[in-house]
Protein backbone atom coordinates (compact mmCIF):
# COMPACT_ATOMS: atom_id res chain seq x y z
CA MET A 1 -0.04 0.00 0.05
CA LEU A 2 2.91 2.44 0.86
CA GLN A 3 4.59 1.52 -2.43
CA SER A 4 1.57 2.52 -4.39
CA SER A 5 1.46 5.84 -2.59
CA LEU A 6 5.18 6.46 -3.36
CA THR A 7 4.50 6.14 -7.00
CA GLN A 8 2.62 9.29 -6.90
CA ALA A 9 5.66 11.28 -6.06
CA ALA A 10 6.48 11.87 -9.78
CA GLY A 11 3.01 13.19 -10.22
CA TRP A 12 3.37 15.77 -7.43
CA SER A 13 5.89 17.89 -9.17
CA SER A 14 3.86 18.21 -12.47
CA ARG A 15 0.60 18.76 -10.81
CA GLN A 16 2.05 21.36 -8.47
CA GLN A 17 3.51 23.23 -11.55
CA GLN A 18 0.12 23.12 -13.13
CA ILE A 19 -1.50 24.48 -9.90
CA GLU A 20 1.10 27.15 -9.40
CA ILE A 21 0.80 28.33 -13.14
CA GLY A 22 -2.99 28.51 -12.78
CA GLU A 23 -2.64 30.37 -9.45
CA ALA A 24 0.00 32.88 -10.54
CA MET A 25 -2.54 35.27 -11.93
CA GLU A 26 -4.65 35.08 -8.81
CA ALA A 27 -1.38 35.63 -6.63
CA CYS A 28 -0.51 38.69 -8.62
CA GLN A 29 -3.85 40.26 -8.13
CA GLU A 30 -4.21 39.32 -4.32
CA ASN A 31 -0.53 40.64 -3.71
CA ALA A 32 -0.69 43.64 -5.99
CA PRO A 33 0.42 47.19 -4.61
CA GLY A 34 -2.25 48.42 -2.37
CA THR A 35 -3.15 44.95 -1.00
CA GLU A 36 -0.09 44.30 0.91
CA SER A 37 -2.15 43.81 4.16
CA VAL A 38 -3.15 40.28 3.01
CA ARG A 39 -0.81 37.58 1.52
CA ARG A 40 -2.19 34.21 0.36
CA PHE A 41 -0.45 30.98 1.14
CA GLN A 42 -0.02 28.04 -1.31
CA ARG A 43 1.08 25.20 1.27
CA ILE A 44 0.59 25.17 4.94
CA CYS A 45 2.23 22.50 7.21
CA VAL A 46 -0.12 21.39 9.79
CA PHE A 47 1.11 19.78 12.87
CA CYS A 48 -1.45 17.60 14.67
CA GLY A 49 -2.05 14.62 16.74
CA SER A 50 -2.06 11.02 15.39
CA ARG A 51 -4.96 10.49 17.88
CA SER A 52 -8.39 12.17 17.77
CA GLY A 53 -8.49 13.17 21.36
CA ASN A 54 -11.59 12.63 23.64
CA ARG A 55 -13.60 15.40 22.44
CA THR A 56 -15.46 15.76 19.18
CA CYS A 57 -14.64 19.35 18.86
CA PHE A 58 -11.04 18.40 18.07
CA SER A 59 -12.02 16.30 14.97
CA GLU A 60 -14.53 18.96 14.03
CA ALA A 61 -11.69 21.55 14.02
CA ALA A 62 -9.54 19.45 11.82
CA LEU A 63 -12.19 18.90 9.26
CA ASP A 64 -13.06 22.59 9.30
CA LEU A 65 -9.29 23.53 8.76
CA GLY A 66 -9.15 21.11 5.92
CA LYS A 67 -12.14 22.57 4.24
CA LYS A 68 -10.88 26.19 4.54
CA MET A 69 -7.72 25.09 3.08
CA VAL A 70 -9.65 23.57 0.24
CA GLU A 71 -11.70 26.78 -0.25
CA ARG A 72 -8.54 28.93 -0.34
CA LYS A 73 -6.76 26.49 -2.71
CA ILE A 74 -4.05 25.84 -0.27
CA ASP A 75 -2.21 22.49 -0.36
CA LEU A 76 -1.24 20.38 2.78
CA VAL A 77 2.16 19.46 4.03
CA TYR A 78 1.85 17.16 7.26
CA GLY A 79 3.44 14.41 9.22
CA GLY A 80 2.14 11.62 6.96
CA GLY A 81 -0.11 9.69 9.34
CA SER A 82 -3.44 8.32 8.24
CA VAL A 83 -5.00 8.10 11.73
CA GLY A 84 -6.35 10.63 14.43
CA LEU A 85 -6.41 14.31 13.28
CA MET A 86 -3.72 13.64 10.76
CA GLY A 87 -5.87 11.18 8.95
CA LEU A 88 -9.07 13.56 9.00
CA ILE A 89 -7.27 16.61 7.73
CA SER A 90 -5.26 14.96 5.09
CA LYS A 91 -8.23 13.08 3.70
CA THR A 92 -10.37 16.40 3.65
CA VAL A 93 -7.70 18.19 1.87
CA SER A 94 -7.20 15.47 -0.66
CA ASP A 95 -11.04 14.87 -1.20
CA GLY A 96 -11.17 18.60 -1.93
CA GLY A 97 -8.78 18.28 -4.73
CA ARG A 98 -5.73 19.81 -3.23
CA ASN A 99 -2.29 18.17 -3.07
CA VAL A 100 -1.18 16.47 0.24
CA LEU A 101 2.45 15.77 1.00
CA GLY A 102 3.13 13.44 4.08
CA VAL A 103 6.50 13.27 5.40
CA ILE A 104 7.29 10.28 7.77
CA PRO A 105 10.29 8.15 9.05
CA PRO A 106 9.95 4.38 8.58
CA ALA A 107 10.47 3.88 12.39
CA ILE A 108 6.94 5.23 13.02
CA PHE A 109 5.06 3.62 10.11
CA PRO A 110 3.16 1.24 12.54
CA ASN A 111 1.88 3.95 14.89
CA GLU A 112 0.76 6.55 12.39
CA LEU A 113 0.08 4.54 9.25
CA LEU A 114 -2.97 2.28 9.15
CA GLY A 115 -4.74 1.42 5.84
CA GLU A 116 -4.41 3.42 2.69
CA THR A 117 -2.18 6.33 2.67
CA ILE A 118 -3.11 9.69 1.32
CA GLY A 119 -1.46 11.85 -1.27
CA GLU A 120 2.22 11.65 -1.71
CA VAL A 121 4.20 10.05 1.23
CA ARG A 122 7.91 11.01 1.46
CA THR A 123 10.02 8.83 3.58
CA VAL A 124 12.97 10.41 5.56
CA GLU A 125 15.50 9.10 7.77
CA ASP A 126 14.49 10.37 11.16
CA MET A 127 12.44 12.99 12.98
CA HIS A 128 14.75 15.80 12.54
CA GLU A 129 14.74 15.38 8.75
CA ARG A 130 10.94 15.02 8.85
CA LYS A 131 10.61 18.56 10.45
CA SER A 132 13.04 19.99 8.09
CA GLU A 133 11.35 18.59 4.97
CA MET A 134 8.07 19.70 6.15
CA ALA A 135 9.30 23.21 6.88
CA LYS A 136 11.06 23.40 3.52
CA ASN A 137 7.84 22.55 1.45
CA ALA A 138 5.42 24.89 3.31
CA ASP A 139 5.16 28.83 3.64
CA ALA A 140 3.06 28.76 6.83
CA PHE A 141 2.63 26.55 9.98
CA ILE A 142 -0.53 25.76 11.97
CA ALA A 143 -0.64 23.61 15.04
CA LEU A 144 -3.94 21.74 15.83
CA PRO A 145 -4.31 19.90 19.17
CA GLY A 146 -1.91 17.15 19.60
CA GLY A 147 0.60 15.49 22.04
CA TYR A 148 4.34 15.91 22.68
CA GLY A 149 5.29 15.43 19.10
CA THR A 150 2.84 18.25 17.94
CA MET A 151 4.01 20.61 20.65
CA GLU A 152 7.66 19.76 19.93
CA GLU A 153 7.28 20.63 16.21
CA LEU A 154 5.38 23.77 16.94
CA LEU A 155 8.11 25.03 19.42
CA GLU A 156 10.77 24.11 17.04
CA VAL A 157 9.49 26.22 14.19
CA ILE A 158 8.79 29.08 16.70
CA ALA A 159 12.44 28.87 17.82
CA TRP A 160 13.49 28.69 14.04
CA PHE A 161 11.78 31.96 13.48
CA GLN A 162 13.28 33.66 16.54
CA LEU A 163 16.77 32.46 15.26
CA GLY A 164 16.23 33.95 11.84
CA PHE A 165 16.09 30.58 9.93
CA HIS A 166 12.71 31.34 8.46
CA ASP A 167 10.08 34.17 8.47
CA LYS A 168 6.99 32.08 7.83
CA PRO A 169 3.85 32.61 9.89
CA VAL A 170 3.16 30.29 12.81
CA GLY A 171 -0.42 29.90 13.96
CA ILE A 172 -2.03 27.98 16.80
CA LEU A 173 -5.57 26.72 16.22
CA ASN A 174 -6.74 26.96 19.88
CA VAL A 175 -9.67 24.67 19.83
CA ASP A 176 -11.90 25.25 22.93
CA GLY A 177 -8.83 26.49 24.98
CA TYR A 178 -6.73 23.47 24.31
CA TYR A 179 -3.60 25.78 24.07
CA ASP A 180 -4.61 28.25 26.84
CA SER A 181 -1.94 26.90 29.19
CA LEU A 182 0.94 26.92 26.50
CA LEU A 183 -0.07 30.59 25.52
CA SER A 184 -0.05 31.43 29.25
CA LEU A 185 3.39 29.96 29.60
CA PHE A 186 4.65 32.15 26.69
CA GLU A 187 3.29 35.16 28.62
CA ASN A 188 4.81 34.10 31.72
CA ALA A 189 8.18 33.78 29.90
CA VAL A 190 7.79 37.37 28.65
CA ALA A 191 6.97 38.60 32.10
CA HIS A 192 10.07 36.90 33.51
CA GLY A 193 12.45 38.15 30.82
CA PHE A 194 13.04 35.01 28.98
CA ILE A 195 11.17 35.90 25.84
CA GLU A 196 11.10 39.42 24.17
CA GLU A 197 7.70 40.83 23.60
CA SER A 198 8.47 41.13 19.93
CA ALA A 199 9.35 37.36 19.84
CA ARG A 200 6.13 36.68 21.53
CA ARG A 201 4.24 38.02 18.56
CA ILE A 202 5.85 35.28 16.46
CA VAL A 203 2.81 33.11 17.27
CA VAL A 204 -0.61 34.06 16.18
CA SER A 205 -3.62 32.19 17.73
CA ALA A 206 -7.40 31.92 17.14
CA GLU A 207 -10.25 29.73 18.08
CA SER A 208 -11.44 29.09 14.49
CA ALA A 209 -9.64 28.15 11.18
CA GLU A 210 -11.28 31.01 9.21
CA GLU A 211 -10.06 33.54 11.79
CA LEU A 212 -6.56 31.99 12.06
CA ILE A 213 -5.84 31.80 8.41
CA ARG A 214 -7.00 35.57 8.10
CA LYS A 215 -4.86 36.69 10.81
CA MET A 216 -1.81 34.90 9.51
CA GLU A 217 -2.25 36.16 6.00
CA ALA A 218 -2.39 39.68 7.44
CA ASP A 219 0.53 39.02 9.68
CA MET A 220 2.46 37.89 6.65
CA GLY A 221 1.40 40.76 4.54
CA GLU A 222 2.55 43.24 7.28
CA ARG A 223 5.93 41.65 7.29
CA VAL A 224 6.26 41.94 3.62
CA ARG A 225 5.19 45.58 4.01
CA VAL A 226 7.70 46.45 6.41
CA LYS A 227 10.43 44.69 4.58
CA ASP A 228 9.62 46.40 1.37
CA ALA A 229 9.59 49.84 3.11
CA SER A 230 13.02 49.03 4.64
CA LYS A 231 14.45 47.99 1.32
CA LYS A 232 13.06 51.38 -0.15
CA ARG A 233 14.50 53.42 2.56
CA LYS A 234 18.02 51.78 2.08
CA ARG A 235 17.79 52.49 -1.83
CA ASN A 236 16.86 56.06 -1.09
CA ASN A 237 19.77 56.60 1.30
């Protein structure tokens, strides 16, 4: 079953080229001068649990995020699992006609892959390469509820941003207050001088997928506007 999914890899590139060409005109209009406050994403990396949790709101949030990505013509990059919230969002995005890229090390196949795989499954050597590959293939990150692995992935991309390794938006879908304690921990670290206030603003959070994506688009647009203004000032000096 996994082998049949891997044969789809060759099709990923050609399909993606067609999509990018078809959406290039839209991107030009969406990101034209005067509309810098909004930037559209092509691929979002979603971190989420290989379990569904014990509340229906978590599954509903994964389904809703998947639908919103389809509506916005956004492809999915994720951890490659076919169970839990991973399975729900990947199937939703794939069924909606968008590309799905799953990245997974062979060591965790038994835990996260059950039954038929979805989209392209790219195998990597270990968890470090998994995170690097997911980050490389996405232009934004969203964390759904999950366990240690989800939180570790989220915190790493936040740290990468702080260190200047990327400038891609990072969002938390705070379903029914699931991440309240983590967000409070961030605030506590700011209050105690371990995180700068500017670094705290790396993370965007919202309770719904619609609100979160809009906030992340606006956040990215603002960063681009500031960068463009800085470049313009340097050219004029």
